[in-house]
Protein backbone atom coordinates (compact mmCIF):
# COMPACT_ATOMS: atom_id res chain seq x y z
CA MET A 1 93.82 -19.74 123.55
CA SER A 2 92.64 -16.93 121.25
CA THR A 3 89.07 -15.68 121.44
CA MET A 4 86.69 -14.97 118.52
CA ARG A 5 87.44 -11.30 118.93
CA ASP A 6 91.17 -11.98 118.76
CA ASP A 7 90.85 -14.03 115.71
CA ILE A 8 88.69 -11.39 114.00
CA ARG A 9 91.18 -8.67 114.77
CA ARG A 10 94.18 -10.71 113.64
CA GLY A 11 92.36 -11.59 110.32
CA LEU A 12 91.60 -7.88 109.62
CA ASN A 13 95.16 -6.91 110.49
CA ASP A 14 96.53 -9.58 108.17
CA ILE A 15 94.45 -8.79 105.19
CA TRP A 16 94.48 -5.10 104.88
CA PRO A 17 97.85 -4.80 103.08
CA ALA A 18 96.67 -7.21 100.53
CA ALA A 19 93.37 -5.48 100.22
CA VAL A 20 95.20 -2.20 99.62
CA ALA A 21 97.43 -3.90 97.03
CA ALA A 22 94.37 -5.33 95.21
CA ALA A 23 92.67 -1.79 94.89
CA PRO A 24 94.49 -0.57 91.89
CA ILE A 25 94.23 -3.92 90.17
CA GLY A 26 90.58 -4.15 90.64
CA LEU A 27 90.27 -0.58 89.17
CA LEU A 28 92.32 -1.62 86.24
CA PHE A 29 90.29 -4.65 85.61
CA GLY A 30 87.10 -2.66 85.69
CA ALA A 31 88.34 -0.20 83.34
CA VAL A 32 89.70 -2.91 80.86
CA ALA A 33 86.30 -4.83 81.17
CA ALA A 34 84.37 -1.65 80.34
CA SER A 35 86.55 -1.00 77.35
CA LYS A 36 85.42 -4.38 76.12
CA GLY A 37 81.77 -3.40 76.41
CA LEU A 38 80.73 -4.67 79.73
CA SER A 39 78.60 -2.46 81.93
CA PRO A 40 79.30 -1.91 85.62
CA LEU A 41 76.60 -4.24 86.68
CA GLU A 42 78.12 -6.94 84.53
CA VAL A 43 81.59 -6.33 85.98
CA PHE A 44 80.13 -6.47 89.54
CA LEU A 45 78.38 -9.81 88.77
CA MET A 46 81.41 -11.25 87.09
CA SER A 47 83.57 -10.28 90.13
CA ALA A 48 81.19 -11.75 92.57
CA MET A 49 80.57 -15.03 90.73
CA VAL A 50 83.95 -15.69 89.46
CA PHE A 51 86.19 -13.79 91.89
CA ALA A 52 89.49 -14.62 90.21
CA GLY A 53 91.40 -11.86 89.12
CA GLY A 54 93.92 -13.61 86.74
CA ALA A 55 91.09 -15.60 85.10
CA GLN A 56 88.99 -12.47 84.89
CA PHE A 57 91.62 -10.55 83.17
CA ALA A 58 92.22 -13.54 80.68
CA ALA A 59 88.55 -13.65 80.13
CA VAL A 60 88.16 -9.91 79.10
CA GLU A 61 91.26 -10.16 77.02
CA LEU A 62 89.66 -12.71 74.95
CA TRP A 63 86.30 -10.98 74.85
CA THR A 64 85.16 -10.65 71.33
CA THR A 65 82.12 -11.31 69.14
CA PRO A 66 81.46 -14.05 68.63
CA THR A 67 82.76 -15.22 71.95
CA PRO A 68 85.53 -17.91 71.67
CA VAL A 69 84.00 -20.11 74.45
CA ALA A 70 86.47 -23.06 74.23
CA ALA A 71 89.46 -20.66 74.55
CA LEU A 72 87.88 -18.84 77.46
CA ILE A 73 87.13 -22.13 79.26
CA PHE A 74 90.58 -23.49 78.71
CA SER A 75 92.53 -20.32 79.70
CA THR A 76 90.57 -19.78 82.89
CA LEU A 77 90.83 -23.57 83.83
CA LEU A 78 94.46 -23.42 83.34
CA ILE A 79 95.05 -20.24 85.26
CA ASN A 80 92.94 -21.52 88.17
CA ALA A 81 94.33 -24.88 88.25
CA ARG A 82 96.53 -23.90 91.19
CA HIS A 83 93.54 -23.60 93.49
CA VAL A 84 93.16 -27.46 93.35
CA LEU A 85 96.54 -27.66 95.14
CA MET A 86 95.84 -24.70 97.44
CA GLY A 87 92.39 -26.07 98.47
CA ALA A 88 93.96 -29.48 99.19
CA SER A 89 96.58 -28.01 101.32
CA LEU A 90 93.98 -26.06 103.40
CA ALA A 91 91.49 -28.64 103.75
CA PRO A 92 93.01 -30.63 106.72
CA LYS A 93 93.26 -27.31 108.62
CA LEU A 94 89.57 -26.51 108.36
CA GLN A 95 88.38 -29.16 110.77
CA GLY A 96 86.45 -26.53 112.95
CA PHE A 97 84.43 -25.31 109.99
CA SER A 98 80.88 -26.34 109.06
CA ARG A 99 80.23 -27.73 105.62
CA TRP A 100 78.72 -24.37 104.41
CA GLN A 101 81.65 -22.30 106.02
CA LYS A 102 84.07 -24.57 104.04
CA PHE A 103 82.18 -24.31 100.76
CA LEU A 104 81.58 -20.53 100.98
CA GLY A 105 85.09 -19.83 102.29
CA LEU A 106 86.95 -21.84 99.75
CA TYR A 107 84.72 -20.51 96.91
CA TYR A 108 86.12 -16.98 97.77
CA MET A 109 89.76 -18.20 98.37
CA ALA A 110 92.38 -16.20 96.68
CA ASP A 111 96.14 -16.38 96.56
CA GLU A 112 96.50 -13.73 99.45
CA ASN A 113 94.10 -15.28 102.00
CA TRP A 114 95.37 -18.81 101.29
CA ALA A 115 98.91 -17.75 102.03
CA LEU A 116 97.99 -15.93 105.11
CA ALA A 117 95.95 -18.73 106.35
CA GLU A 118 98.81 -21.19 105.72
CA LYS A 119 101.12 -18.83 107.61
CA ARG A 120 98.59 -18.56 110.46
CA ALA A 121 98.12 -22.37 110.73
CA ARG A 122 101.70 -22.85 111.38
CA THR A 123 101.42 -21.38 114.90
CA HIS A 124 97.58 -21.29 115.51
CA ARG A 125 94.34 -23.18 114.82
CA LEU A 126 92.47 -21.82 111.94
CA THR A 127 89.04 -20.65 112.81
CA PRO A 128 86.06 -19.46 110.83
CA ALA A 129 86.29 -15.99 112.59
CA TYR A 130 89.84 -15.63 111.40
CA TRP A 131 89.10 -16.94 107.91
CA PHE A 132 86.13 -14.83 107.06
CA ALA A 133 87.66 -11.62 108.73
CA MET A 134 90.17 -11.96 105.90
CA VAL A 135 88.00 -13.14 103.15
CA ILE A 136 84.90 -10.61 103.55
CA PRO A 137 86.91 -7.31 103.38
CA PHE A 138 89.14 -8.68 100.49
CA VAL A 139 86.00 -9.68 98.45
CA LEU A 140 84.16 -6.53 99.04
CA GLY A 141 87.24 -4.60 98.18
CA TRP A 142 87.56 -6.40 94.98
CA LEU A 143 83.68 -5.95 94.13
CA ILE A 144 83.83 -2.15 94.90
CA ASN A 145 86.98 -1.48 93.07
CA SER A 146 86.32 -3.44 89.84
CA THR A 147 82.84 -1.81 89.65
CA LEU A 148 84.23 1.63 90.34
CA GLY A 149 86.91 0.98 87.67
CA ALA A 150 84.10 0.14 85.18
CA THR A 151 82.13 3.12 86.20
CA ILE A 152 84.78 5.84 85.84
CA GLY A 153 86.82 3.97 82.98
CA ALA A 154 89.13 6.04 81.06
CA VAL A 155 89.41 8.70 83.67
CA LEU A 156 91.84 6.38 85.62
CA GLY A 157 94.46 6.44 82.86
CA ASP A 158 97.13 3.66 82.83
CA PRO A 159 97.95 2.61 86.48
CA LYS A 160 101.49 1.53 85.24
CA ARG A 161 102.35 5.22 85.23
CA LEU A 162 102.33 5.14 88.96
CA GLY A 163 103.74 1.73 89.46
CA ALA A 164 100.37 0.32 90.55
CA ASP A 165 100.88 -2.65 88.56
CA PHE A 166 103.68 -3.70 90.86
CA ALA A 167 101.47 -3.78 93.99
CA PHE A 168 100.71 -7.45 93.74
CA THR A 169 104.27 -8.43 92.88
CA ALA A 170 105.51 -6.52 96.02
CA LEU A 171 103.00 -8.16 98.20
CA PHE A 172 103.94 -11.73 96.99
CA ILE A 173 107.59 -11.19 97.66
CA ALA A 174 106.58 -10.17 101.25
CA LEU A 175 104.48 -13.46 101.44
CA VAL A 176 107.23 -15.56 100.15
CA ALA A 177 109.71 -14.04 102.66
CA ALA A 178 107.39 -14.89 105.47
CA PHE A 179 107.29 -18.57 104.26
CA TRP A 180 110.98 -18.80 103.75
CA LYS A 181 112.52 -22.18 104.90
CA GLY A 182 116.08 -21.98 103.42
CA ARG A 183 117.36 -23.85 100.58
CA VAL A 184 114.00 -25.74 99.72
CA THR A 185 112.18 -22.34 99.50
CA PHE A 186 115.12 -20.86 97.40
CA TRP A 187 115.04 -23.73 94.84
CA THR A 188 111.21 -23.60 94.63
CA VAL A 189 110.85 -19.86 94.15
CA ALA A 190 113.91 -19.88 91.67
CA ALA A 191 112.51 -22.68 89.48
CA ALA A 192 108.90 -21.32 89.53
CA GLY A 193 110.06 -17.89 88.70
CA ILE A 194 112.56 -18.69 85.91
CA ALA A 195 110.06 -21.21 84.28
CA SER A 196 107.28 -18.71 84.41
CA ALA A 197 109.31 -15.87 82.97
CA VAL A 198 110.80 -17.98 80.04
CA THR A 199 107.46 -19.30 79.14
CA TYR A 200 105.72 -15.90 79.29
CA ARG A 201 108.31 -14.55 76.86
CA LEU A 202 108.51 -17.57 74.55
CA VAL A 203 105.02 -18.79 74.63
CA GLY A 204 102.75 -16.11 76.35
CA PRO A 205 99.90 -16.39 78.79
CA PRO A 206 98.29 -18.42 80.22
CA TRP A 207 100.98 -21.07 79.86
CA HIS A 208 103.36 -19.37 82.07
CA VAL A 209 101.16 -20.06 85.09
CA ALA A 210 101.22 -23.84 84.50
CA ALA A 211 104.95 -23.86 83.77
CA GLY A 212 105.86 -22.01 86.97
CA ALA A 213 103.62 -24.18 89.11
CA LEU A 214 104.85 -27.41 87.79
CA CYS A 215 108.65 -26.44 87.80
CA GLY A 216 108.13 -25.10 91.37
CA LEU A 217 106.48 -28.31 92.57
CA LEU A 218 109.20 -30.52 91.03
CA ALA A 219 111.92 -28.23 92.45
CA ALA A 220 110.31 -28.51 95.87
CA TRP A 221 110.13 -32.23 95.72
CA PHE A 222 113.67 -32.66 94.68
CA ALA A 223 114.96 -30.15 97.32
CA ALA A 224 112.99 -31.69 100.08
CA GLY A 225 113.98 -35.16 99.10
CA ALA A 226 117.71 -34.04 99.20
CA GLU A 227 117.36 -32.59 102.66
CA GLU A 228 115.66 -35.69 104.00
CA ARG A 229 118.05 -38.18 102.39
CA PRO A 230 120.32 -39.82 105.22
CA VAL A 231 123.99 -39.06 105.13
CA THR A 232 125.87 -42.05 104.35
CA LYS A 233 129.31 -43.23 106.07
CA GLU A 234 130.96 -42.65 102.81
CA ALA A 235 129.68 -39.09 102.54
CA GLU A 236 130.79 -38.36 106.12
CA ALA A 237 134.17 -39.67 105.44
């Protein structure tokens, strides 16, 4: 059985690649937000209270005067709808958490720490020590880097020049590889990726998020059902 110290060490070891990958994205968000007129303090508060990279980018892209409140609400709800499924999948694995630990921990749940927690839960019991050892450095990194990006702004230049925009993509490829379960995973990833890419090209954000999620869920359901379907005697013959 792992001790609290073991869980903390493991959480820190698991999250640091994601925190490093998130750094240029946080800097980029801060710079974009500053270009829209937000101060470093406002960027810090937004990152602390919202803490949702995709939704924050969508919000600042739509940030105009007067503010399109309905469009902002709809876009951010659509982008973050995946958190409902993510939270539902994690909830049964948080039995050792107190109510405030669940509330605070899930409030700052991100795709990265959700995926790492799901991977951890396959072999070990999830503990508050492990979860918060992942969450706290990741959140602090996002707060620091987004605020720093807003402070130094244009000095950063375009992170795409250095390929920094690919950091999250590379990270998620690694996460998917860790979850690989054969045919079901292949069809799920393929359906989600194709649907998201096609929708992004034809319709644009944020609809590609919903399209990818829905098609991925359908593909997983059909693929899992096909695997569990019993082989008939006719098929064996």
